[in-house]
Protein backbone atom coordinates (compact mmCIF):
# COMPACT_ATOMS: atom_id res chain seq x y z
CA MET A 1 90.54 93.33 98.52
CA ALA A 2 88.65 90.06 98.72
CA GLY A 3 89.27 89.26 102.36
CA SER A 4 91.88 88.92 105.03
CA LYS A 5 95.37 87.69 104.28
CA GLY A 6 95.48 83.96 103.74
CA LYS A 7 91.95 83.74 102.32
CA LYS A 8 91.53 82.03 98.97
CA TYR A 9 90.75 85.22 97.02
CA TYR A 10 93.00 87.61 98.95
CA ASN A 11 94.81 88.83 95.79
CA VAL A 12 91.71 89.16 93.60
CA PHE A 13 90.18 92.57 92.91
CA LEU A 14 87.35 93.89 90.78
CA LYS A 15 88.01 96.76 88.38
CA TYR A 16 85.31 98.51 86.40
CA LYS A 17 84.87 101.49 84.13
CA ILE A 18 81.87 103.69 83.59
CA TRP A 19 81.18 105.60 80.42
CA LEU A 20 78.24 107.16 78.70
CA VAL A 21 77.36 105.92 75.23
CA SER A 22 74.82 106.96 72.62
CA LYS A 23 71.93 104.76 71.55
CA ASP A 24 74.22 103.66 68.69
CA GLU A 25 76.88 102.63 71.24
CA GLU A 26 79.16 105.56 70.39
CA ASN A 27 81.45 106.38 73.30
CA ILE A 28 80.57 109.84 74.63
CA LEU A 29 82.28 110.30 77.98
CA GLY A 30 84.09 108.30 80.62
CA ASP A 31 86.56 109.03 83.38
CA GLY A 32 89.29 110.20 80.99
CA LYS A 33 87.16 112.77 79.20
CA ILE A 34 85.58 113.91 82.45
CA ASN A 35 89.08 114.44 83.89
CA LEU A 36 89.99 116.45 80.78
CA LEU A 37 86.95 118.67 81.29
CA LYS A 38 87.78 119.08 84.99
CA GLU A 39 91.33 120.19 84.10
CA ILE A 40 89.96 122.67 81.58
CA GLY A 41 87.66 123.96 84.31
CA LYS A 42 90.63 124.46 86.65
CA SER A 43 92.94 126.14 84.17
CA ASN A 44 90.57 127.65 81.59
CA SER A 45 92.96 126.24 79.00
CA ILE A 46 92.95 123.13 76.85
CA GLN A 47 96.73 123.42 76.46
CA SER A 48 97.28 123.47 80.20
CA ALA A 49 94.83 120.59 80.66
CA VAL A 50 96.54 118.36 78.08
CA ASN A 51 99.95 119.14 79.58
CA THR A 52 98.65 118.01 82.98
CA ILE A 53 96.92 114.89 81.67
CA GLY A 54 99.52 113.93 79.10
CA ILE A 55 97.51 113.70 75.88
CA SER A 56 97.82 115.64 72.67
CA TYR A 57 95.93 118.86 72.06
CA ARG A 58 94.49 117.40 68.87
CA LYS A 59 93.19 114.30 70.67
CA ALA A 60 91.67 116.39 73.46
CA TRP A 61 89.94 118.77 71.09
CA GLY A 62 88.70 115.87 68.96
CA ASN A 63 87.28 114.11 72.03
CA ILE A 64 85.48 117.23 73.16
CA LYS A 65 84.03 117.96 69.71
CA LYS A 66 82.88 114.34 69.27
CA ALA A 67 81.15 114.38 72.67
CA GLU A 68 79.48 117.71 71.87
CA GLU A 69 78.22 116.35 68.54
CA VAL A 70 76.62 113.32 70.16
CA LEU A 71 75.25 115.25 73.15
CA GLU A 72 74.04 118.08 70.91
CA PHE A 73 75.18 120.81 73.28
CA PRO A 74 78.52 122.54 73.93
CA LEU A 75 80.72 121.49 76.83
CA VAL A 76 83.28 124.28 76.41
CA GLU A 77 83.48 127.80 75.02
CA LYS A 78 86.70 128.72 73.28
CA HIS A 79 87.74 132.38 73.30
CA ARG A 80 90.59 133.42 71.06
CA GLY A 81 93.04 135.67 72.83
CA GLY A 82 95.53 138.37 72.14
CA GLN A 83 99.12 138.46 73.35
CA LYS A 84 98.56 136.04 76.24
CA GLY A 85 96.53 133.57 74.20
CA GLY A 86 92.93 132.51 74.49
CA THR A 87 90.90 130.74 77.09
CA THR A 88 88.60 127.77 77.07
CA ILE A 89 85.92 127.66 79.73
CA LEU A 90 83.31 125.09 80.63
CA THR A 91 79.72 125.85 79.70
CA LYS A 92 76.97 125.59 82.28
CA GLU A 93 75.99 122.28 80.65
CA GLY A 94 79.60 121.10 80.88
CA LYS A 95 79.76 121.92 84.58
CA ASN A 96 76.40 120.24 85.20
CA LEU A 97 77.51 117.12 83.33
CA ILE A 98 80.69 116.85 85.41
CA ALA A 99 78.77 117.27 88.68
CA ALA A 100 76.12 114.72 87.67
CA TYR A 101 78.76 112.24 86.44
CA ASP A 102 80.70 112.56 89.70
CA GLU A 103 77.53 111.94 91.72
CA LEU A 104 76.64 108.94 89.54
CA HIS A 105 80.14 107.54 89.95
CA LYS A 106 80.00 107.98 93.73
CA GLU A 107 76.66 106.16 93.95
CA ILE A 108 77.85 103.33 91.69
CA ASP A 109 81.05 103.00 93.77
CA ILE A 110 79.00 102.57 96.95
CA THR A 111 76.73 99.97 95.37
CA ILE A 112 79.58 98.04 93.77
CA ASN A 113 81.61 98.00 97.00
CA LYS A 114 78.66 96.50 98.89
CA THR A 115 78.12 93.94 96.16
CA ILE A 116 81.82 93.05 96.01
CA LYS A 117 81.94 92.41 99.77
CA LYS A 118 78.89 90.16 99.51
CA PHE A 119 80.39 88.31 96.53
CA PHE A 120 83.75 87.63 98.18
CA ASN A 121 82.17 86.75 101.53
CA GLN A 122 80.14 84.13 99.68
CA LEU A 123 83.26 82.79 97.92
CA ASN A 124 85.31 82.69 101.10
CA GLY A 125 82.46 81.04 103.00
């Protein structure tokens, strides 16, 4: 929020997105793909993750494979299963990427919030 009720910019907010891109500007990962990986980490299942998030299995698998191609390391390991089906688990690199991304996001949030307050204080005089 930009200030107290009645201020000029009271109903104005700043939204932003963070994502990692390759040197060729190819989208690698952002909040959506990170959330997908987190859900896979919780359930050890792409199917369960996509059911929770609400995207198709094909889209999820395509997003993961594309990110792995650009990053040049695996984010998940898929294990085919028997009667109960297979599992998909996060690799060590996948877990590290999620943790680092979360820390980056937290630090950016702190910085942006300070900057937003300064910006709106200046506007509201």
